[in-house]
Amino acid sequence: MLNRHWIRIAGSFLLFVVAGTIGLILLLNVALQRLSEAEFVALAKANADFIRNTGLPQTETLSRYLSQLLGVEVRFQRLEPPDARHEAVTVGIDSGTELTLIRERPQLREVLMRPIAVGALAAFWGLWFALAWAVALPYLKAQRFALLGAMATSLAHEGGAGKISAWTCA
């Protein structure tokens, strides 16, 4: 009976932490993907403004230099991403000229290794452990007292009516 209750409590808490962790990971992934996309758009706009303000020629040489500097593919024409793993941002430099940046989308592993994601998961697990401890500890103490009570009752009934006990001597 005790094992069945313990399994139900532990199973409920484990189900909660697994479901919560998966939900938090999905939420963090969506939020950080949006943040990464916004940063990528801001990078493209800043580079287009730089090229426009400095009057640099939009040549293949500049495209290669910017690609090396930024760590993304840079083109001076509108391009679509080559596949679903990549994303492209196109912004205008001036009339008739566009700057396109192409990069791989951030993977889940990269998203989860950000300090904010690690901190959020650690905080969730810490709060889960505190909740589990706060709920399970009183339950375990109550079970221990119930077990001690059952043992005392069992010992009292084993004593028998004809034997002298400590209670009758006093």
C-alpha atoms as a PDB file:
ATOM      1  CA  MET A   1       0.000   0.000   0.000  1.00  0.00           C
ATOM      2  CA  LEU A   2       2.804   2.392   0.938  1.00  0.00           C
ATOM      3  CA  ASN A   3       4.715   1.623  -2.276  1.00  0.00           C
ATOM      4  CA  ARG A   4       1.653   2.277  -4.422  1.00  0.00           C
ATOM      5  CA  HIS A   5       1.132   5.729  -2.884  1.00  0.00           C
ATOM      6  CA  TRP A   6       4.803   6.551  -3.215  1.00  0.00           C
ATOM      7  CA  ILE A   7       4.806   5.522  -6.893  1.00  0.00           C
ATOM      8  CA  ARG A   8       1.720   7.668  -7.556  1.00  0.00           C
ATOM      9  CA  ILE A   9       3.312  10.711  -5.939  1.00  0.00           C
ATOM     10  CA  ALA A  10       6.710  10.243  -7.576  1.00  0.00           C
ATOM     11  CA  GLY A  11       5.111   9.483 -10.934  1.00  0.00           C
ATOM     12  CA  SER A  12       3.010  12.639 -10.767  1.00  0.00           C
ATOM     13  CA  PHE A  13       6.006  14.798  -9.947  1.00  0.00           C
ATOM     14  CA  LEU A  14       8.144  13.204 -12.649  1.00  0.00           C
ATOM     15  CA  LEU A  15       5.377  13.640 -15.221  1.00  0.00           C
ATOM     16  CA  PHE A  16       5.091  17.292 -14.186  1.00  0.00           C
ATOM     17  CA  VAL A  17       8.829  17.949 -14.522  1.00  0.00           C
ATOM     18  CA  VAL A  18       9.071  16.165 -17.884  1.00  0.00           C
ATOM     19  CA  ALA A  19       6.041  17.971 -19.336  1.00  0.00           C
ATOM     20  CA  GLY A  20       7.192  21.285 -17.879  1.00  0.00           C
ATOM     21  CA  THR A  21      10.715  20.878 -19.215  1.00  0.00           C
ATOM     22  CA  ILE A  22       9.465  20.037 -22.714  1.00  0.00           C
ATOM     23  CA  GLY A  23       7.040  22.960 -22.643  1.00  0.00           C
ATOM     24  CA  LEU A  24       9.727  25.349 -21.405  1.00  0.00           C
ATOM     25  CA  ILE A  25      12.171  24.169 -24.068  1.00  0.00           C
ATOM     26  CA  LEU A  26       9.578  24.715 -26.807  1.00  0.00           C
ATOM     27  CA  LEU A  27       8.714  28.156 -25.451  1.00  0.00           C
ATOM     28  CA  LEU A  28      12.382  29.149 -25.167  1.00  0.00           C
ATOM     29  CA  ASN A  29      13.055  27.856 -28.673  1.00  0.00           C
ATOM     30  CA  VAL A  30      10.265  29.965 -30.183  1.00  0.00           C
ATOM     31  CA  ALA A  31      11.203  33.086 -28.208  1.00  0.00           C
ATOM     32  CA  LEU A  32      14.926  32.842 -28.909  1.00  0.00           C
ATOM     33  CA  GLN A  33      14.352  32.043 -32.603  1.00  0.00           C
ATOM     34  CA  ARG A  34      12.304  35.254 -32.879  1.00  0.00           C
ATOM     35  CA  LEU A  35      15.008  37.191 -31.048  1.00  0.00           C
ATOM     36  CA  SER A  36      17.691  35.737 -33.328  1.00  0.00           C
ATOM     37  CA  GLU A  37      15.657  36.646 -36.413  1.00  0.00           C
ATOM     38  CA  ALA A  38      15.202  40.221 -35.149  1.00  0.00           C
ATOM     39  CA  GLU A  39      18.960  40.489 -34.521  1.00  0.00           C
ATOM     40  CA  PHE A  40      19.613  39.169 -38.041  1.00  0.00           C
ATOM     41  CA  VAL A  41      17.293  41.773 -39.589  1.00  0.00           C
ATOM     42  CA  ALA A  42      18.986  44.516 -37.539  1.00  0.00           C
ATOM     43  CA  LEU A  43      22.392  43.290 -38.763  1.00  0.00           C
ATOM     44  CA  ALA A  44      21.236  43.452 -42.392  1.00  0.00           C
ATOM     45  CA  LYS A  45      19.817  46.977 -41.955  1.00  0.00           C
ATOM     46  CA  ALA A  46      22.965  48.224 -40.219  1.00  0.00           C
ATOM     47  CA  ASN A  47      25.171  46.870 -43.008  1.00  0.00           C
ATOM     48  CA  ALA A  48      22.929  48.334 -45.717  1.00  0.00           C
ATOM     49  CA  ASP A  49      23.087  51.721 -43.970  1.00  0.00           C
ATOM     50  CA  PHE A  50      26.873  51.448 -43.693  1.00  0.00           C
ATOM     51  CA  ILE A  51      27.259  50.655 -47.397  1.00  0.00           C
ATOM     52  CA  ARG A  52      24.863  53.446 -48.379  1.00  0.00           C
ATOM     53  CA  ASN A  53      26.512  56.058 -46.111  1.00  0.00           C
ATOM     54  CA  THR A  54      30.101  55.216 -47.082  1.00  0.00           C
ATOM     55  CA  GLY A  55      29.378  54.915 -50.795  1.00  0.00           C
ATOM     56  CA  LEU A  56      31.204  51.609 -51.085  1.00  0.00           C
ATOM     57  CA  PRO A  57      30.823  49.892 -54.464  1.00  0.00           C
ATOM     58  CA  GLN A  58      28.546  46.847 -54.368  1.00  0.00           C
ATOM     59  CA  THR A  59      31.011  44.382 -55.898  1.00  0.00           C
ATOM     60  CA  GLU A  60      31.717  40.695 -55.429  1.00  0.00           C
ATOM     61  CA  THR A  61      34.912  41.616 -53.567  1.00  0.00           C
ATOM     62  CA  LEU A  62      32.955  43.621 -50.984  1.00  0.00           C
ATOM     63  CA  SER A  63      30.444  40.770 -50.799  1.00  0.00           C
ATOM     64  CA  ARG A  64      33.233  38.274 -49.991  1.00  0.00           C
ATOM     65  CA  TYR A  65      34.799  40.594 -47.394  1.00  0.00           C
ATOM     66  CA  LEU A  66      31.469  41.135 -45.669  1.00  0.00           C
ATOM     67  CA  SER A  67      30.771  37.401 -45.763  1.00  0.00           C
ATOM     68  CA  GLN A  68      34.066  36.718 -43.979  1.00  0.00           C
ATOM     69  CA  LEU A  69      33.538  39.537 -41.519  1.00  0.00           C
ATOM     70  CA  LEU A  70      29.919  38.709 -40.625  1.00  0.00           C
ATOM     71  CA  GLY A  71      30.066  34.926 -40.897  1.00  0.00           C
ATOM     72  CA  VAL A  72      27.047  34.825 -43.223  1.00  0.00           C
ATOM     73  CA  GLU A  73      26.601  34.746 -46.976  1.00  0.00           C
ATOM     74  CA  VAL A  74      26.308  38.282 -48.391  1.00  0.00           C
ATOM     75  CA  ARG A  75      24.877  39.086 -51.846  1.00  0.00           C
ATOM     76  CA  PHE A  76      23.919  42.330 -53.568  1.00  0.00           C
ATOM     77  CA  GLN A  77      20.755  40.910 -55.090  1.00  0.00           C
ATOM     78  CA  ARG A  78      17.506  39.418 -53.821  1.00  0.00           C
ATOM     79  CA  LEU A  79      17.909  35.713 -53.106  1.00  0.00           C
ATOM     80  CA  GLU A  80      15.741  33.128 -51.403  1.00  0.00           C
ATOM     81  CA  PRO A  81      17.165  30.760 -48.807  1.00  0.00           C
ATOM     82  CA  PRO A  82      18.562  27.600 -50.440  1.00  0.00           C
ATOM     83  CA  ASP A  83      16.597  25.253 -48.160  1.00  0.00           C
ATOM     84  CA  ALA A  84      14.505  25.118 -44.974  1.00  0.00           C
ATOM     85  CA  ARG A  85      17.594  25.081 -42.739  1.00  0.00           C
ATOM     86  CA  HIS A  86      18.609  28.550 -43.925  1.00  0.00           C
ATOM     87  CA  GLU A  87      17.030  31.978 -43.633  1.00  0.00           C
ATOM     88  CA  ALA A  88      17.522  35.069 -45.767  1.00  0.00           C
ATOM     89  CA  VAL A  89      16.985  38.756 -45.068  1.00  0.00           C
ATOM     90  CA  THR A  90      16.887  41.289 -47.894  1.00  0.00           C
ATOM     91  CA  VAL A  91      17.017  45.047 -47.304  1.00  0.00           C
ATOM     92  CA  GLY A  92      17.345  47.921 -49.730  1.00  0.00           C
ATOM     93  CA  ILE A  93      20.595  49.853 -50.009  1.00  0.00           C
ATOM     94  CA  ASP A  94      19.378  52.374 -52.546  1.00  0.00           C
ATOM     95  CA  SER A  95      16.969  52.329 -55.456  1.00  0.00           C
ATOM     96  CA  GLY A  96      17.662  49.215 -57.503  1.00  0.00           C
ATOM     97  CA  THR A  97      20.258  47.682 -55.146  1.00  0.00           C
ATOM     98  CA  GLU A  98      19.484  45.227 -52.366  1.00  0.00           C
ATOM     99  CA  LEU A  99      21.580  43.512 -49.732  1.00  0.00           C
ATOM    100  CA  THR A 100      20.748  39.895 -48.891  1.00  0.00           C
ATOM    101  CA  LEU A 101      22.201  38.031 -45.912  1.00  0.00           C
ATOM    102  CA  ILE A 102      21.813  34.242 -45.752  1.00  0.00           C
ATOM    103  CA  ARG A 103      22.643  32.057 -42.775  1.00  0.00           C
ATOM    104  CA  GLU A 104      21.716  28.749 -41.202  1.00  0.00           C
ATOM    105  CA  ARG A 105      18.839  28.938 -38.764  1.00  0.00           C
ATOM    106  CA  PRO A 106      19.919  28.515 -35.141  1.00  0.00           C
ATOM    107  CA  GLN A 107      19.549  24.900 -34.055  1.00  0.00           C
ATOM    108  CA  LEU A 108      17.848  23.836 -30.832  1.00  0.00           C
ATOM    109  CA  ARG A 109      21.212  22.963 -29.271  1.00  0.00           C
ATOM    110  CA  GLU A 110      22.479  26.506 -29.903  1.00  0.00           C
ATOM    111  CA  VAL A 111      19.303  27.964 -28.429  1.00  0.00           C
ATOM    112  CA  LEU A 112      19.527  25.811 -25.306  1.00  0.00           C
ATOM    113  CA  MET A 113      23.172  26.713 -24.698  1.00  0.00           C
ATOM    114  CA  ARG A 114      22.358  30.407 -24.298  1.00  0.00           C
ATOM    115  CA  PRO A 115      22.731  31.556 -20.694  1.00  0.00           C
ATOM    116  CA  ILE A 116      19.107  32.700 -20.497  1.00  0.00           C
ATOM    117  CA  ALA A 117      17.863  29.248 -21.502  1.00  0.00           C
ATOM    118  CA  VAL A 118      20.192  27.448 -19.088  1.00  0.00           C
ATOM    119  CA  GLY A 119      19.124  29.817 -16.304  1.00  0.00           C
ATOM    120  CA  ALA A 120      15.417  29.349 -17.019  1.00  0.00           C
ATOM    121  CA  LEU A 121      15.723  25.559 -17.020  1.00  0.00           C
ATOM    122  CA  ALA A 122      17.815  25.587 -13.831  1.00  0.00           C
ATOM    123  CA  ALA A 123      15.274  27.844 -12.105  1.00  0.00           C
ATOM    124  CA  PHE A 124      12.389  25.598 -13.200  1.00  0.00           C
ATOM    125  CA  TRP A 125      14.134  22.455 -11.954  1.00  0.00           C
ATOM    126  CA  GLY A 126      15.090  24.145  -8.683  1.00  0.00           C
ATOM    127  CA  LEU A 127      11.506  25.262  -8.078  1.00  0.00           C
ATOM    128  CA  TRP A 128      10.257  21.806  -9.028  1.00  0.00           C
ATOM    129  CA  PHE A 129      12.627  20.167  -6.549  1.00  0.00           C
ATOM    130  CA  ALA A 130      11.569  22.584  -3.785  1.00  0.00           C
ATOM    131  CA  LEU A 131       7.889  21.877  -4.494  1.00  0.00           C
ATOM    132  CA  ALA A 132       8.462  18.131  -4.584  1.00  0.00           C
ATOM    133  CA  TRP A 133      10.367  18.295  -1.309  1.00  0.00           C
ATOM    134  CA  ALA A 134       7.711  20.462   0.357  1.00  0.00           C
ATOM    135  CA  VAL A 135       4.910  18.104  -0.676  1.00  0.00           C
ATOM    136  CA  ALA A 136       6.647  14.756  -0.260  1.00  0.00           C
ATOM    137  CA  LEU A 137       8.344  15.366   3.094  1.00  0.00           C
ATOM    138  CA  PRO A 138       5.146  15.781   5.162  1.00  0.00           C
ATOM    139  CA  TYR A 139       3.620  12.808   3.352  1.00  0.00           C
ATOM    140  CA  LEU A 140       6.639  10.648   4.170  1.00  0.00           C
ATOM    141  CA  LYS A 141       6.582  11.743   7.816  1.00  0.00           C
ATOM    142  CA  ALA A 142       2.877  10.892   8.051  1.00  0.00           C
ATOM    143  CA  GLN A 143       3.543   7.485   6.488  1.00  0.00           C
ATOM    144  CA  ARG A 144       6.361   6.855   8.947  1.00  0.00           C
ATOM    145  CA  PHE A 145       4.099   7.691  11.910  1.00  0.00           C
ATOM    146  CA  ALA A 146       1.350   5.502  10.474  1.00  0.00           C
ATOM    147  CA  LEU A 147       3.833   2.634  10.144  1.00  0.00           C
ATOM    148  CA  LEU A 148       5.047   3.141  13.727  1.00  0.00           C
ATOM    149  CA  GLY A 149       1.440   3.207  14.932  1.00  0.00           C
ATOM    150  CA  ALA A 150       0.676  -0.013  13.089  1.00  0.00           C
ATOM    151  CA  MET A 151       3.772  -1.656  14.578  1.00  0.00           C
ATOM    152  CA  ALA A 152       2.813  -0.528  18.093  1.00  0.00           C
ATOM    153  CA  THR A 153      -0.721  -1.860  17.656  1.00  0.00           C
ATOM    154  CA  SER A 154       0.621  -5.144  16.339  1.00  0.00           C
ATOM    155  CA  LEU A 155       2.996  -5.504  19.277  1.00  0.00           C
ATOM    156  CA  ALA A 156       0.237  -4.677  21.770  1.00  0.00           C
ATOM    157  CA  HIS A 157      -1.999  -7.419  20.346  1.00  0.00           C
ATOM    158  CA  GLU A 158       0.828  -9.987  20.385  1.00  0.00           C
ATOM    159  CA  GLY A 159       1.379  -9.519  24.132  1.00  0.00           C
ATOM    160  CA  GLY A 160      -1.642 -11.672  25.058  1.00  0.00           C
ATOM    161  CA  ALA A 161      -3.919 -11.436  28.115  1.00  0.00           C
ATOM    162  CA  GLY A 162      -2.035 -13.773  30.465  1.00  0.00           C
ATOM    163  CA  LYS A 163       1.370 -12.159  30.293  1.00  0.00           C
ATOM    164  CA  ILE A 164       2.567  -9.377  32.549  1.00  0.00           C
ATOM    165  CA  SER A 165       3.248  -6.162  30.769  1.00  0.00           C
ATOM    166  CA  ALA A 166       4.964  -2.975  31.836  1.00  0.00           C
ATOM    167  CA  TRP A 167       1.615  -1.210  32.022  1.00  0.00           C
ATOM    168  CA  THR A 168       0.078  -3.609  34.523  1.00  0.00           C
ATOM    169  CA  CYS A 169       3.056  -3.485  36.893  1.00  0.00           C
ATOM    170  CA  ALA A 170       2.893   0.231  37.439  1.00  0.00           C
END
